[in-house]
Amino acid sequence: MNDEQYDEMRTGKGFIAALDQSGGSTPKALELYGVEESRYATEKEMFDRIHEMRTRIISSPSFTGERILAAILFEDTMNRQVEGRDTAEYLWGVRGVVPFLKIDKGLLPEADGVQEMKPIPNLDDLLAHAVQKGIFGTKMRSFIHRADDTGIAGVVDQQFELAHRILRAGLVPIIEPEIDINSEEKLKAEAMLRRAVATHLDRLASDQHVVLKLTLPEEDDYYREFVEHPQVARVVALSGGYSRADANERLARNHGVIASFSRALTEGLQIDQTDEEFDSVLGTGITSIALASAT
């Protein structure tokens, strides 16, 4: 583990930029950016287009460690370059931004009100490759539809089982058991999730630290115990489909929690904007999200 990067993650000001759209979510991200599916014919061309978008964001003047603590990358992005340098190296060496890698391969079909992660083949090889590429930590997402004790316990068990493998590889895991913001049982699901996560956190050794990425809760400061837990490097919030304004408003009411936004970060960015217009829109978004993360 890079001690300087860990100190930045633990105590730095700012938020995490989630730039990890996968094959399934990339077409929607490109469409919002103004790139229709007719602009690419193959999966390779699609990833070329999304890397061009990510490169434009990462190399924009507003995208610096002054307000952005870290960025989460898709595996394809980790294996590409920005301005002639490996993406993770560019993020930390040029921008002062800690690099994370999305490692999950998507979700299984719903069972017991949740979707656990699909198996991750060759995980140990991927983690070793990430270390070699200068990655600090990883991210993996599960999804909770309903308040089902069995399902939520299974999601959390799977997350922490993988977290232990990631920790042994020398990386810091972001644990992300997302709750559907539209679920009629969201409040009950949050209570079940908080109990399950707390049990696993209390079993971690003193030298094991994780980041928790959670859906913005219905009750303000609901995850305060995690913010204060010695084994939690940071609690971060996903926007989960809320608009940037709504996500920022909710985030500001949860003290000690910072953002890890994707769609809310890139809201308003368009391919046909001039570089000055692009950076202005991006900078406005970064400023608002950083402000909401500072409470």
Protein backbone atom coordinates (compact mmCIF):
# COMPACT_ATOMS: atom_id res chain seq x y z
CA MET A 1 0.00 0.00 0.00
CA ASN A 2 1.19 3.51 -0.83
CA ASP A 3 1.24 5.33 2.54
CA GLU A 4 0.97 8.77 0.95
CA GLN A 5 -2.09 7.71 -1.02
CA TYR A 6 -3.61 6.11 2.08
CA ASP A 7 -3.16 9.32 4.08
CA GLU A 8 -4.82 11.23 1.24
CA MET A 9 -7.77 8.85 1.21
CA ARG A 10 -8.15 8.91 4.98
CA THR A 11 -7.86 12.63 5.63
CA GLY A 12 -7.88 14.51 2.32
CA LYS A 13 -10.62 16.91 1.25
CA GLY A 14 -12.68 16.32 -1.87
CA PHE A 15 -14.50 13.35 -3.35
CA ILE A 16 -14.13 10.28 -5.58
CA ALA A 17 -14.82 10.53 -9.31
CA ALA A 18 -16.44 7.31 -10.53
CA LEU A 19 -15.25 6.86 -14.13
CA ASP A 20 -15.83 3.12 -14.26
CA GLN A 21 -18.74 2.61 -16.64
CA SER A 22 -18.52 -0.97 -17.94
CA GLY A 23 -19.61 -2.51 -21.21
CA GLY A 24 -23.23 -2.54 -20.09
CA SER A 25 -23.41 1.07 -18.94
CA THR A 26 -21.07 2.65 -21.50
CA PRO A 27 -23.68 3.18 -24.28
CA LYS A 28 -25.89 5.20 -21.91
CA ALA A 29 -22.92 7.26 -20.68
CA LEU A 30 -21.90 7.99 -24.27
CA GLU A 31 -25.46 8.88 -25.24
CA LEU A 32 -25.66 11.43 -22.41
CA TYR A 33 -22.35 12.82 -23.64
CA GLY A 34 -23.81 13.23 -27.15
CA VAL A 35 -22.24 10.18 -28.79
CA GLU A 36 -24.97 8.08 -30.41
CA GLU A 37 -24.53 4.37 -31.04
CA SER A 38 -24.21 5.12 -34.76
CA ARG A 39 -20.81 6.69 -33.96
CA TYR A 40 -19.26 3.29 -33.23
CA ALA A 41 -19.71 -0.09 -34.88
CA THR A 42 -17.81 -2.47 -32.59
CA GLU A 43 -17.15 -2.90 -28.88
CA LYS A 44 -13.56 -1.76 -29.42
CA GLU A 45 -14.76 1.44 -31.06
CA MET A 46 -17.21 1.97 -28.19
CA PHE A 47 -14.39 1.70 -25.66
CA ASP A 48 -12.27 4.02 -27.80
CA ARG A 49 -15.05 6.63 -27.60
CA ILE A 50 -15.50 6.28 -23.83
CA HIS A 51 -11.73 6.49 -23.29
CA GLU A 52 -11.68 9.72 -25.30
CA MET A 53 -14.39 11.07 -23.00
CA ARG A 54 -12.56 9.94 -19.85
CA THR A 55 -9.28 11.34 -21.12
CA ARG A 56 -10.95 14.69 -21.73
CA ILE A 57 -12.28 14.68 -18.15
CA ILE A 58 -9.05 13.53 -16.49
CA SER A 59 -6.86 15.98 -18.41
CA SER A 60 -9.24 18.92 -17.95
CA PRO A 61 -7.77 21.76 -15.83
CA SER A 62 -10.54 21.41 -13.23
CA PHE A 63 -9.75 17.73 -12.58
CA THR A 64 -7.04 17.88 -9.90
CA GLY A 65 -6.30 16.52 -6.45
CA GLU A 66 -7.31 19.84 -4.96
CA ARG A 67 -10.95 18.74 -4.96
CA ILE A 68 -10.83 15.14 -6.22
CA LEU A 69 -9.32 12.56 -3.89
CA ALA A 70 -9.57 9.55 -6.15
CA ALA A 71 -10.92 8.16 -9.40
CA ILE A 72 -12.39 4.71 -10.06
CA LEU A 73 -11.34 3.23 -13.40
CA PHE A 74 -12.73 0.50 -15.63
CA GLU A 75 -10.17 -2.24 -16.42
CA ASP A 76 -9.93 -1.09 -20.05
CA THR A 77 -9.07 2.43 -18.85
CA MET A 78 -6.35 1.12 -16.52
CA ASN A 79 -4.73 -0.62 -19.47
CA ARG A 80 -4.75 2.51 -21.65
CA GLN A 81 -2.78 5.74 -21.47
CA VAL A 82 -3.48 9.43 -20.98
CA GLU A 83 -1.04 11.85 -22.60
CA GLY A 84 1.51 9.05 -23.08
CA ARG A 85 1.41 7.71 -19.50
CA ASP A 86 -0.47 4.78 -17.99
CA THR A 87 -3.79 6.11 -16.70
CA ALA A 88 -3.14 5.33 -13.02
CA GLU A 89 0.34 6.82 -13.24
CA TYR A 90 -1.07 9.95 -14.88
CA LEU A 91 -3.78 10.32 -12.24
CA TRP A 92 -1.39 10.19 -9.29
CA GLY A 93 1.77 11.61 -10.84
CA VAL A 94 0.21 14.49 -12.76
CA ARG A 95 -3.15 15.14 -11.11
CA GLY A 96 -2.53 14.02 -7.52
CA VAL A 97 -5.59 11.73 -7.69
CA VAL A 98 -5.56 8.25 -6.10
CA PRO A 99 -6.42 5.49 -8.65
CA PHE A 100 -8.93 2.70 -7.94
CA LEU A 101 -10.03 -0.15 -10.22
CA LYS A 102 -13.53 -1.59 -10.69
CA ILE A 103 -13.08 -5.37 -10.52
CA ASP A 104 -16.59 -6.84 -10.54
CA LYS A 105 -17.96 -8.43 -13.70
CA GLY A 106 -21.58 -7.44 -13.21
CA LEU A 107 -24.50 -8.91 -11.32
CA LEU A 108 -26.23 -12.27 -11.06
CA PRO A 109 -30.01 -12.48 -11.53
CA GLU A 110 -32.09 -11.32 -8.56
CA ALA A 111 -32.59 -13.81 -5.72
CA ASP A 112 -33.81 -13.10 -2.16
CA GLY A 113 -34.36 -9.47 -3.12
CA VAL A 114 -30.73 -8.82 -4.11
CA GLN A 115 -28.23 -9.29 -6.90
CA GLU A 116 -24.88 -10.67 -5.83
CA MET A 117 -21.81 -10.28 -8.02
CA LYS A 118 -20.97 -12.69 -10.79
CA PRO A 119 -17.83 -14.79 -10.23
CA ILE A 120 -14.63 -12.89 -11.00
CA PRO A 121 -12.36 -15.23 -12.98
CA ASN A 122 -8.59 -14.91 -12.50
CA LEU A 123 -9.09 -12.41 -9.68
CA ASP A 124 -5.65 -12.92 -8.17
CA ASP A 125 -4.01 -12.27 -11.56
CA LEU A 126 -6.12 -9.12 -12.01
CA LEU A 127 -5.14 -7.83 -8.56
CA ALA A 128 -1.44 -8.48 -9.24
CA HIS A 129 -1.75 -6.67 -12.57
CA ALA A 130 -3.47 -3.74 -10.83
CA VAL A 131 -0.63 -3.46 -8.32
CA GLN A 132 1.88 -3.46 -11.19
CA LYS A 133 -0.11 -0.69 -12.90
CA GLY A 134 0.01 1.53 -9.81
CA ILE A 135 -3.57 1.01 -8.61
CA PHE A 136 -4.22 1.78 -4.92
CA GLY A 137 -7.52 0.00 -4.39
CA THR A 138 -10.51 -1.73 -5.95
CA LYS A 139 -14.29 -1.33 -6.19
CA MET A 140 -17.01 -3.98 -6.44
CA ARG A 141 -20.78 -3.45 -6.59
CA SER A 142 -23.76 -5.53 -5.49
CA PHE A 143 -27.40 -4.42 -5.66
CA ILE A 144 -30.20 -4.60 -3.09
CA HIS A 145 -33.81 -4.38 -4.31
CA ARG A 146 -35.73 -5.31 -1.17
CA ALA A 147 -35.36 -5.63 2.60
CA ASP A 148 -34.59 -9.35 2.78
CA ASP A 149 -32.31 -10.42 5.66
CA THR A 150 -31.07 -13.53 3.88
CA GLY A 151 -30.31 -11.68 0.65
CA ILE A 152 -28.61 -8.72 2.31
CA ALA A 153 -26.51 -10.99 4.54
CA GLY A 154 -25.41 -12.88 1.44
CA VAL A 155 -24.42 -9.68 -0.36
CA VAL A 156 -22.37 -8.46 2.59
CA ASP A 157 -20.74 -11.87 3.14
CA GLN A 158 -19.68 -11.96 -0.53
CA GLN A 159 -18.35 -8.41 -0.41
CA PHE A 160 -16.19 -9.02 2.64
CA GLU A 161 -14.98 -12.43 1.43
CA LEU A 162 -13.59 -10.70 -1.65
CA ALA A 163 -12.36 -7.77 0.44
CA HIS A 164 -10.07 -10.10 2.38
CA ARG A 165 -8.51 -11.38 -0.86
CA ILE A 166 -8.02 -7.80 -2.03
CA LEU A 167 -6.40 -6.79 1.24
CA ARG A 168 -4.00 -9.75 1.02
CA ALA A 169 -2.97 -8.47 -2.42
CA GLY A 170 -1.96 -5.14 -0.85
CA LEU A 171 -4.93 -3.14 -2.15
CA VAL A 172 -7.71 -1.27 -0.35
CA PRO A 173 -11.25 -2.45 -1.26
CA ILE A 174 -14.24 -0.21 -1.81
CA ILE A 175 -17.23 -2.26 -0.66
CA GLU A 176 -20.39 -1.19 -2.51
CA PRO A 177 -23.71 -2.86 -1.58
CA GLU A 178 -25.99 -0.39 -3.39
CA ILE A 179 -29.63 -0.07 -2.32
CA ASP A 180 -32.21 0.81 -4.97
CA ILE A 181 -33.24 4.43 -4.31
CA ASN A 182 -36.73 3.60 -5.62
CA SER A 183 -37.29 0.61 -3.35
CA GLU A 184 -40.39 0.87 -1.19
CA GLU A 185 -38.40 -0.97 1.49
CA LYS A 186 -35.32 1.25 1.35
CA LEU A 187 -35.45 2.28 5.02
CA LYS A 188 -35.76 -1.32 6.24
CA ALA A 189 -33.03 -2.44 3.86
CA GLU A 190 -30.71 0.23 5.25
CA ALA A 191 -31.23 -1.09 8.79
CA MET A 192 -30.45 -4.65 7.71
CA LEU A 193 -27.41 -3.53 5.75
CA ARG A 194 -26.04 -1.45 8.62
CA ARG A 195 -26.23 -4.43 11.01
CA ALA A 196 -24.60 -6.83 8.56
CA VAL A 197 -21.77 -4.46 7.66
CA ALA A 198 -21.07 -3.59 11.31
CA THR A 199 -20.64 -7.27 12.17
CA HIS A 200 -18.00 -7.74 9.47
CA LEU A 201 -16.17 -4.51 10.28
CA ASP A 202 -15.73 -5.59 13.89
CA ARG A 203 -13.98 -8.76 12.68
CA LEU A 204 -11.29 -6.91 10.73
CA ALA A 205 -7.76 -6.83 12.11
CA SER A 206 -6.28 -3.53 13.25
CA ASP A 207 -4.15 -3.28 10.08
CA GLN A 208 -7.06 -3.97 7.71
CA HIS A 209 -8.94 -0.98 6.30
CA VAL A 210 -11.80 -0.70 3.82
CA VAL A 211 -13.79 2.02 2.13
CA LEU A 212 -17.59 1.78 2.24
CA LYS A 213 -19.61 3.07 -0.73
CA LEU A 214 -23.27 3.33 0.24
CA THR A 215 -26.52 4.68 -1.13
CA LEU A 216 -27.47 8.03 0.40
CA PRO A 217 -29.67 7.09 3.39
CA GLU A 218 -33.20 8.21 4.26
CA GLU A 219 -32.12 9.22 7.77
CA ASP A 220 -29.35 11.82 7.98
CA ASP A 221 -26.05 10.64 9.50
CA TYR A 222 -27.37 7.06 9.48
CA TYR A 223 -23.89 5.70 8.82
CA ARG A 224 -22.09 7.84 11.42
CA GLU A 225 -20.82 4.72 13.22
CA PHE A 226 -19.00 3.71 10.03
CA VAL A 227 -17.50 7.18 9.57
CA GLU A 228 -16.03 6.82 13.06
CA HIS A 229 -15.04 3.13 12.80
CA PRO A 230 -11.24 2.63 13.04
CA GLN A 231 -11.20 0.06 10.20
CA VAL A 232 -13.04 2.32 7.75
CA ALA A 233 -10.72 4.54 5.75
CA ARG A 234 -13.65 6.50 4.30
CA VAL A 235 -17.41 6.36 3.85
CA VAL A 236 -18.46 7.52 0.40
CA ALA A 237 -21.89 7.91 -1.15
CA LEU A 238 -23.10 6.94 -4.59
CA SER A 239 -25.61 9.17 -6.37
CA GLY A 240 -27.73 6.16 -7.32
CA GLY A 241 -29.78 7.93 -9.97
CA TYR A 242 -30.49 11.11 -8.00
CA SER A 243 -29.83 14.31 -9.93
CA ARG A 244 -26.67 16.17 -8.95
CA ALA A 245 -28.71 18.78 -7.04
CA ASP A 246 -30.65 16.15 -5.08
CA ALA A 247 -27.56 14.03 -4.43
CA ASN A 248 -25.58 17.05 -3.21
CA GLU A 249 -28.42 18.14 -0.92
CA ARG A 250 -28.67 14.70 0.66
CA LEU A 251 -24.90 14.32 0.89
CA ALA A 252 -24.43 17.63 2.70
CA ARG A 253 -26.71 16.37 5.49
CA ASN A 254 -24.51 13.30 6.09
CA HIS A 255 -21.49 14.57 7.98
CA GLY A 256 -18.14 12.96 7.30
CA VAL A 257 -19.42 11.21 4.15
CA ILE A 258 -17.99 12.23 0.78
CA ALA A 259 -19.27 11.68 -2.75
CA SER A 260 -18.37 8.96 -5.20
CA PHE A 261 -20.49 10.16 -8.09
CA SER A 262 -20.60 9.01 -11.71
CA ARG A 263 -23.59 10.32 -13.64
CA ALA A 264 -23.92 13.29 -11.29
CA LEU A 265 -20.28 14.20 -12.00
CA THR A 266 -20.59 14.12 -15.79
CA GLU A 267 -24.01 15.80 -15.88
CA GLY A 268 -24.07 18.46 -18.61
CA LEU A 269 -20.87 17.41 -20.39
CA GLN A 270 -21.20 17.29 -24.19
CA ILE A 271 -18.81 16.17 -26.90
CA ASP A 272 -19.45 19.27 -29.02
CA GLN A 273 -18.51 21.73 -26.27
CA THR A 274 -15.30 23.67 -26.69
CA ASP A 275 -12.55 22.75 -24.25
CA GLU A 276 -13.28 25.95 -22.34
CA GLU A 277 -17.01 25.21 -22.17
CA PHE A 278 -16.35 21.61 -21.20
CA ASP A 279 -14.01 22.58 -18.37
CA SER A 280 -16.43 25.24 -17.15
CA VAL A 281 -19.29 22.74 -16.87
CA LEU A 282 -17.03 20.11 -15.31
CA GLY A 283 -15.56 22.65 -12.89
CA THR A 284 -19.00 23.79 -11.78
CA GLY A 285 -19.99 20.21 -11.05
CA ILE A 286 -16.74 19.44 -9.24
CA THR A 287 -17.10 22.56 -7.09
CA SER A 288 -20.67 21.72 -6.05
CA ILE A 289 -19.87 18.08 -5.26
CA ALA A 290 -16.72 19.01 -3.31
CA LEU A 291 -18.73 21.54 -1.29
CA ALA A 292 -21.38 18.95 -0.42
CA SER A 293 -18.60 16.51 0.55
CA ALA A 294 -17.02 19.00 2.95
CA THR A 295 -19.69 18.82 5.66
